[in-house]
Amino acid sequence: MVDSRGPRRRSNDPEAMRRRVLDVAAAAFQTRGYHSTSTHDIMREAGVTGGALHHHFPTKKALGLAVISDRVAQAVEDTWIEPIRTAPTAAAGIREVFAQIAATIDARGTVLGCPLNNLALELSLADPEFQHAVQTVFERWQTAIAERLRADQADGALKTVDPEDLATFIVAAYSGAMAMAKAQQSSKPLGTCAQLLAAFVQPGPRKFRR
């Protein structure tokens, strides 16, 4: 006899639960730090049991690595890589990225810092796997900027600049500006850095004016 009610539906959604745990963990690591956030904090804030948490992330380290590869890397992709890739020039992309980040900071009223920078400073010396995970994201970020710069060179701009070196400089400048913004709780360092970086990579004569 066939059950007219049809197949039973699963009462839970493991993938949705995994996403929720990652979202909660990413936010907690950003605001409180990895070491200051316990798995019990994650369980409580995500509304999951210990068994459910450890099914997806057997250890806190596994959760931390997943946050870097799934959430932090995606944030860099959305915030930096895609805008730079689709911008008409590297200079235009830099202006757009910094403007969007500064607007988000001003709307929120709090500077939490760059998620990648925060975890890099906290975890890179703690464990080689964390160091490798963080470095992988940085390398992807720098590669995307270098590719945009090479495209500008193909159009006749920045002929005397090494794209990889300049990409490293851009990421380092942003990272430093974000650290200063966090210390000052102000987006002002980002605005200053954006103006000078955009001027540096702008085709034609470079003008550094406030």
C-alpha atoms as a PDB file:
ATOM      1  CA  MET A   1       0.000   0.000   0.000  1.00  0.00           C
ATOM      2  CA  VAL A   2       1.390   3.418  -0.978  1.00  0.00           C
ATOM      3  CA  ASP A   3       1.398   6.156   1.635  1.00  0.00           C
ATOM      4  CA  SER A   4      -0.753   8.898   0.131  1.00  0.00           C
ATOM      5  CA  ARG A   5       1.097  11.482   2.146  1.00  0.00           C
ATOM      6  CA  GLY A   6       4.175  11.010  -0.055  1.00  0.00           C
ATOM      7  CA  PRO A   7       7.794  10.709   1.067  1.00  0.00           C
ATOM      8  CA  ARG A   8       8.706  12.086   4.438  1.00  0.00           C
ATOM      9  CA  ARG A   9      10.647  15.316   4.446  1.00  0.00           C
ATOM     10  CA  ARG A  10      13.724  15.706   6.577  1.00  0.00           C
ATOM     11  CA  SER A  11      13.004  17.886   9.541  1.00  0.00           C
ATOM     12  CA  ASN A  12      16.450  19.496   9.412  1.00  0.00           C
ATOM     13  CA  ASP A  13      18.745  20.912   6.786  1.00  0.00           C
ATOM     14  CA  PRO A  14      22.393  20.005   7.461  1.00  0.00           C
ATOM     15  CA  GLU A  15      23.769  22.371   4.835  1.00  0.00           C
ATOM     16  CA  ALA A  16      21.733  25.293   6.169  1.00  0.00           C
ATOM     17  CA  MET A  17      22.956  24.452   9.654  1.00  0.00           C
ATOM     18  CA  ARG A  18      26.545  24.424   8.443  1.00  0.00           C
ATOM     19  CA  ARG A  19      26.069  27.827   6.799  1.00  0.00           C
ATOM     20  CA  ARG A  20      24.530  29.221   9.982  1.00  0.00           C
ATOM     21  CA  VAL A  21      27.425  27.998  12.108  1.00  0.00           C
ATOM     22  CA  LEU A  22      29.928  29.527   9.680  1.00  0.00           C
ATOM     23  CA  ASP A  23      28.070  32.842   9.667  1.00  0.00           C
ATOM     24  CA  VAL A  24      27.976  32.967  13.467  1.00  0.00           C
ATOM     25  CA  ALA A  25      31.600  31.915  13.812  1.00  0.00           C
ATOM     26  CA  ALA A  26      32.809  34.418  11.214  1.00  0.00           C
ATOM     27  CA  ALA A  27      30.995  37.257  13.003  1.00  0.00           C
ATOM     28  CA  ALA A  28      32.286  36.152  16.403  1.00  0.00           C
ATOM     29  CA  PHE A  29      35.876  35.834  15.231  1.00  0.00           C
ATOM     30  CA  GLN A  30      35.611  39.287  13.665  1.00  0.00           C
ATOM     31  CA  THR A  31      34.261  41.007  16.765  1.00  0.00           C
ATOM     32  CA  ARG A  32      35.818  39.011  19.621  1.00  0.00           C
ATOM     33  CA  GLY A  33      38.678  37.103  18.022  1.00  0.00           C
ATOM     34  CA  TYR A  34      39.251  33.415  17.444  1.00  0.00           C
ATOM     35  CA  HIS A  35      40.864  32.648  20.785  1.00  0.00           C
ATOM     36  CA  SER A  36      38.261  34.595  22.763  1.00  0.00           C
ATOM     37  CA  THR A  37      35.378  32.714  21.148  1.00  0.00           C
ATOM     38  CA  SER A  38      34.568  29.251  22.502  1.00  0.00           C
ATOM     39  CA  THR A  39      32.721  26.460  20.744  1.00  0.00           C
ATOM     40  CA  HIS A  40      30.042  26.857  23.420  1.00  0.00           C
ATOM     41  CA  ASP A  41      29.626  30.480  22.315  1.00  0.00           C
ATOM     42  CA  ILE A  42      29.138  29.294  18.729  1.00  0.00           C
ATOM     43  CA  MET A  43      26.653  26.600  19.750  1.00  0.00           C
ATOM     44  CA  ARG A  44      24.590  29.049  21.781  1.00  0.00           C
ATOM     45  CA  GLU A  45      24.564  31.826  19.189  1.00  0.00           C
ATOM     46  CA  ALA A  46      23.900  29.477  16.273  1.00  0.00           C
ATOM     47  CA  GLY A  47      21.271  27.507  18.189  1.00  0.00           C
ATOM     48  CA  VAL A  48      22.869  24.116  17.516  1.00  0.00           C
ATOM     49  CA  THR A  49      23.828  21.172  19.680  1.00  0.00           C
ATOM     50  CA  GLY A  50      27.350  20.028  20.312  1.00  0.00           C
ATOM     51  CA  GLY A  51      26.718  16.936  18.225  1.00  0.00           C
ATOM     52  CA  ALA A  52      25.493  18.985  15.280  1.00  0.00           C
ATOM     53  CA  LEU A  53      28.448  21.351  15.497  1.00  0.00           C
ATOM     54  CA  HIS A  54      31.026  18.585  15.697  1.00  0.00           C
ATOM     55  CA  HIS A  55      29.384  16.678  12.869  1.00  0.00           C
ATOM     56  CA  HIS A  56      30.390  19.473  10.505  1.00  0.00           C
ATOM     57  CA  PHE A  57      33.455  20.757  12.373  1.00  0.00           C
ATOM     58  CA  PRO A  58      35.142  18.103  14.520  1.00  0.00           C
ATOM     59  CA  THR A  59      37.435  20.685  16.135  1.00  0.00           C
ATOM     60  CA  LYS A  60      37.510  24.415  16.680  1.00  0.00           C
ATOM     61  CA  LYS A  61      40.512  24.542  14.371  1.00  0.00           C
ATOM     62  CA  ALA A  62      38.473  22.894  11.599  1.00  0.00           C
ATOM     63  CA  LEU A  63      35.822  25.563  12.102  1.00  0.00           C
ATOM     64  CA  GLY A  64      38.448  28.319  11.985  1.00  0.00           C
ATOM     65  CA  LEU A  65      39.920  26.986   8.755  1.00  0.00           C
ATOM     66  CA  ALA A  66      36.449  26.740   7.223  1.00  0.00           C
ATOM     67  CA  VAL A  67      35.694  30.337   8.185  1.00  0.00           C
ATOM     68  CA  ILE A  68      38.862  31.460   6.392  1.00  0.00           C
ATOM     69  CA  SER A  69      38.275  29.387   3.244  1.00  0.00           C
ATOM     70  CA  ASP A  70      34.489  29.804   3.015  1.00  0.00           C
ATOM     71  CA  ARG A  71      33.660  33.158   4.555  1.00  0.00           C
ATOM     72  CA  VAL A  72      36.770  35.334   4.630  1.00  0.00           C
ATOM     73  CA  ALA A  73      37.869  34.325   1.135  1.00  0.00           C
ATOM     74  CA  GLN A  74      34.376  35.060  -0.182  1.00  0.00           C
ATOM     75  CA  ALA A  75      34.365  38.446   1.530  1.00  0.00           C
ATOM     76  CA  VAL A  76      37.622  39.332  -0.219  1.00  0.00           C
ATOM     77  CA  GLU A  77      36.155  38.081  -3.504  1.00  0.00           C
ATOM     78  CA  ASP A  78      33.010  40.203  -3.148  1.00  0.00           C
ATOM     79  CA  THR A  79      34.626  43.299  -1.659  1.00  0.00           C
ATOM     80  CA  TRP A  80      37.871  43.504  -3.629  1.00  0.00           C
ATOM     81  CA  ILE A  81      38.408  40.967  -6.383  1.00  0.00           C
ATOM     82  CA  GLU A  82      35.147  41.271  -8.328  1.00  0.00           C
ATOM     83  CA  PRO A  83      35.033  45.108  -8.228  1.00  0.00           C
ATOM     84  CA  ILE A  84      38.657  45.311  -9.380  1.00  0.00           C
ATOM     85  CA  ARG A  85      38.120  42.715 -12.102  1.00  0.00           C
ATOM     86  CA  THR A  86      35.078  44.510 -13.548  1.00  0.00           C
ATOM     87  CA  ALA A  87      36.354  48.076 -13.187  1.00  0.00           C
ATOM     88  CA  PRO A  88      37.384  49.984 -16.340  1.00  0.00           C
ATOM     89  CA  THR A  89      40.819  50.612 -14.784  1.00  0.00           C
ATOM     90  CA  ALA A  90      42.662  49.621 -11.627  1.00  0.00           C
ATOM     91  CA  ALA A  91      42.424  53.205 -10.376  1.00  0.00           C
ATOM     92  CA  ALA A  92      38.636  53.228 -10.834  1.00  0.00           C
ATOM     93  CA  GLY A  93      38.354  49.906  -9.062  1.00  0.00           C
ATOM     94  CA  ILE A  94      40.421  51.092  -6.114  1.00  0.00           C
ATOM     95  CA  ARG A  95      38.290  54.203  -5.725  1.00  0.00           C
ATOM     96  CA  GLU A  96      35.108  52.136  -5.835  1.00  0.00           C
ATOM     97  CA  VAL A  97      36.342  49.552  -3.337  1.00  0.00           C
ATOM     98  CA  PHE A  98      37.532  52.106  -0.806  1.00  0.00           C
ATOM     99  CA  ALA A  99      34.380  54.200  -1.210  1.00  0.00           C
ATOM    100  CA  GLN A 100      32.121  51.205  -0.596  1.00  0.00           C
ATOM    101  CA  ILE A 101      34.090  50.067   2.460  1.00  0.00           C
ATOM    102  CA  ALA A 102      34.188  53.578   3.915  1.00  0.00           C
ATOM    103  CA  ALA A 103      30.444  53.975   3.349  1.00  0.00           C
ATOM    104  CA  THR A 104      29.790  50.684   5.141  1.00  0.00           C
ATOM    105  CA  ILE A 105      31.957  51.772   8.071  1.00  0.00           C
ATOM    106  CA  ASP A 106      30.269  55.174   8.310  1.00  0.00           C
ATOM    107  CA  ALA A 107      26.801  53.599   8.177  1.00  0.00           C
ATOM    108  CA  ARG A 108      27.675  51.059  10.875  1.00  0.00           C
ATOM    109  CA  GLY A 109      29.530  53.555  13.044  1.00  0.00           C
ATOM    110  CA  THR A 110      32.106  50.964  14.105  1.00  0.00           C
ATOM    111  CA  VAL A 111      35.337  49.800  12.487  1.00  0.00           C
ATOM    112  CA  LEU A 112      35.812  46.080  13.065  1.00  0.00           C
ATOM    113  CA  GLY A 113      38.816  45.830  10.772  1.00  0.00           C
ATOM    114  CA  CYS A 114      39.552  43.579   7.831  1.00  0.00           C
ATOM    115  CA  PRO A 115      38.508  39.983   8.648  1.00  0.00           C
ATOM    116  CA  LEU A 116      41.559  38.607   6.870  1.00  0.00           C
ATOM    117  CA  ASN A 117      43.949  40.971   8.630  1.00  0.00           C
ATOM    118  CA  ASN A 118      42.398  40.247  12.015  1.00  0.00           C
ATOM    119  CA  LEU A 119      42.809  36.495  11.640  1.00  0.00           C
ATOM    120  CA  ALA A 120      46.255  36.842  10.063  1.00  0.00           C
ATOM    121  CA  LEU A 121      47.541  38.795  13.043  1.00  0.00           C
ATOM    122  CA  GLU A 122      45.954  36.425  15.541  1.00  0.00           C
ATOM    123  CA  LEU A 123      46.581  33.038  13.953  1.00  0.00           C
ATOM    124  CA  SER A 124      49.467  33.065  11.481  1.00  0.00           C
ATOM    125  CA  LEU A 125      52.057  32.338  14.171  1.00  0.00           C
ATOM    126  CA  ALA A 126      49.805  29.949  16.044  1.00  0.00           C
ATOM    127  CA  ASP A 127      49.626  27.144  13.508  1.00  0.00           C
ATOM    128  CA  PRO A 128      51.086  26.459  10.033  1.00  0.00           C
ATOM    129  CA  GLU A 129      47.708  25.406   8.651  1.00  0.00           C
ATOM    130  CA  PHE A 130      46.191  28.723   9.669  1.00  0.00           C
ATOM    131  CA  GLN A 131      49.168  30.532   8.169  1.00  0.00           C
ATOM    132  CA  HIS A 132      48.762  28.676   4.884  1.00  0.00           C
ATOM    133  CA  ALA A 133      44.998  29.315   4.762  1.00  0.00           C
ATOM    134  CA  VAL A 134      45.475  33.041   5.335  1.00  0.00           C
ATOM    135  CA  GLN A 135      48.321  33.263   2.831  1.00  0.00           C
ATOM    136  CA  THR A 136      46.214  31.510   0.185  1.00  0.00           C
ATOM    137  CA  VAL A 137      43.578  34.244   0.448  1.00  0.00           C
ATOM    138  CA  PHE A 138      46.199  36.994   0.305  1.00  0.00           C
ATOM    139  CA  GLU A 139      47.762  35.423  -2.786  1.00  0.00           C
ATOM    140  CA  ARG A 140      44.414  35.191  -4.565  1.00  0.00           C
ATOM    141  CA  TRP A 141      43.737  38.833  -3.721  1.00  0.00           C
ATOM    142  CA  GLN A 142      47.137  40.018  -4.958  1.00  0.00           C
ATOM    143  CA  THR A 143      46.887  37.916  -8.130  1.00  0.00           C
ATOM    144  CA  ALA A 144      43.529  39.464  -9.036  1.00  0.00           C
ATOM    145  CA  ILE A 145      44.898  42.989  -8.640  1.00  0.00           C
ATOM    146  CA  ALA A 146      48.027  42.117 -10.640  1.00  0.00           C
ATOM    147  CA  GLU A 147      45.845  40.782 -13.463  1.00  0.00           C
ATOM    148  CA  ARG A 148      43.891  44.057 -13.527  1.00  0.00           C
ATOM    149  CA  LEU A 149      47.149  46.017 -13.612  1.00  0.00           C
ATOM    150  CA  ARG A 150      48.448  43.904 -16.496  1.00  0.00           C
ATOM    151  CA  ALA A 151      45.262  44.699 -18.387  1.00  0.00           C
ATOM    152  CA  ASP A 152      45.959  48.399 -17.843  1.00  0.00           C
ATOM    153  CA  GLN A 153      49.491  47.869 -19.129  1.00  0.00           C
ATOM    154  CA  ALA A 154      48.118  46.244 -22.267  1.00  0.00           C
ATOM    155  CA  ASP A 155      46.218  49.497 -22.828  1.00  0.00           C
ATOM    156  CA  GLY A 156      49.439  51.476 -22.529  1.00  0.00           C
ATOM    157  CA  ALA A 157      49.428  52.462 -18.853  1.00  0.00           C
ATOM    158  CA  LEU A 158      51.889  51.757 -16.027  1.00  0.00           C
ATOM    159  CA  LYS A 159      54.566  50.442 -18.365  1.00  0.00           C
ATOM    160  CA  THR A 160      57.411  50.803 -15.867  1.00  0.00           C
ATOM    161  CA  VAL A 161      55.634  49.084 -12.957  1.00  0.00           C
ATOM    162  CA  ASP A 162      55.837  45.408 -12.022  1.00  0.00           C
ATOM    163  CA  PRO A 163      52.192  44.291 -11.568  1.00  0.00           C
ATOM    164  CA  GLU A 164      52.947  41.759  -8.825  1.00  0.00           C
ATOM    165  CA  ASP A 165      54.987  44.234  -6.797  1.00  0.00           C
ATOM    166  CA  LEU A 166      52.371  46.958  -7.160  1.00  0.00           C
ATOM    167  CA  ALA A 167      49.597  44.520  -6.209  1.00  0.00           C
ATOM    168  CA  THR A 168      51.498  43.667  -3.032  1.00  0.00           C
ATOM    169  CA  PHE A 169      51.866  47.378  -2.291  1.00  0.00           C
ATOM    170  CA  ILE A 170      48.130  48.003  -2.809  1.00  0.00           C
ATOM    171  CA  VAL A 171      47.090  45.165  -0.492  1.00  0.00           C
ATOM    172  CA  ALA A 172      49.646  46.217   2.113  1.00  0.00           C
ATOM    173  CA  ALA A 173      48.533  49.859   1.928  1.00  0.00           C
ATOM    174  CA  TYR A 174      44.890  48.888   2.350  1.00  0.00           C
ATOM    175  CA  SER A 175      45.719  46.565   5.236  1.00  0.00           C
ATOM    176  CA  GLY A 176      47.626  49.314   7.002  1.00  0.00           C
ATOM    177  CA  ALA A 177      44.909  51.875   6.368  1.00  0.00           C
ATOM    178  CA  MET A 178      42.294  49.496   7.757  1.00  0.00           C
ATOM    179  CA  ALA A 179      44.397  48.884  10.863  1.00  0.00           C
ATOM    180  CA  MET A 180      44.657  52.651  11.382  1.00  0.00           C
ATOM    181  CA  ALA A 181      40.927  53.047  10.775  1.00  0.00           C
ATOM    182  CA  LYS A 182      40.241  50.402  13.413  1.00  0.00           C
ATOM    183  CA  ALA A 183      42.562  52.101  15.902  1.00  0.00           C
ATOM    184  CA  GLN A 184      40.983  55.515  15.260  1.00  0.00           C
ATOM    185  CA  GLN A 185      37.440  54.183  14.774  1.00  0.00           C
ATOM    186  CA  SER A 186      37.241  56.363  11.701  1.00  0.00           C
ATOM    187  CA  SER A 187      37.141  55.774   7.949  1.00  0.00           C
ATOM    188  CA  LYS A 188      39.438  58.773   7.349  1.00  0.00           C
ATOM    189  CA  PRO A 189      42.669  56.741   6.823  1.00  0.00           C
ATOM    190  CA  LEU A 190      40.886  54.769   4.099  1.00  0.00           C
ATOM    191  CA  GLY A 191      39.958  57.930   2.234  1.00  0.00           C
ATOM    192  CA  THR A 192      43.515  59.237   2.336  1.00  0.00           C
ATOM    193  CA  CYS A 193      44.964  55.898   1.233  1.00  0.00           C
ATOM    194  CA  ALA A 194      42.423  55.529  -1.574  1.00  0.00           C
ATOM    195  CA  GLN A 195      43.231  58.939  -3.025  1.00  0.00           C
ATOM    196  CA  LEU A 196      46.979  58.338  -3.088  1.00  0.00           C
ATOM    197  CA  LEU A 197      46.729  54.774  -4.387  1.00  0.00           C
ATOM    198  CA  ALA A 198      44.345  55.760  -7.173  1.00  0.00           C
ATOM    199  CA  ALA A 199      46.639  58.625  -8.160  1.00  0.00           C
ATOM    200  CA  PHE A 200      49.608  56.280  -8.232  1.00  0.00           C
ATOM    201  CA  VAL A 201      47.973  53.781 -10.597  1.00  0.00           C
ATOM    202  CA  GLN A 202      46.092  56.368 -12.667  1.00  0.00           C
ATOM    203  CA  PRO A 203      47.224  56.415 -16.312  1.00  0.00           C
ATOM    204  CA  GLY A 204      49.097  59.575 -17.250  1.00  0.00           C
ATOM    205  CA  PRO A 205      51.000  62.019 -15.015  1.00  0.00           C
ATOM    206  CA  ARG A 206      50.666  61.251 -11.318  1.00  0.00           C
ATOM    207  CA  LYS A 207      49.210  63.956  -9.140  1.00  0.00           C
ATOM    208  CA  PHE A 208      49.259  63.704  -5.368  1.00  0.00           C
ATOM    209  CA  ARG A 209      46.976  66.402  -4.053  1.00  0.00           C
ATOM    210  CA  ARG A 210      44.734  66.548  -1.033  1.00  0.00           C
END
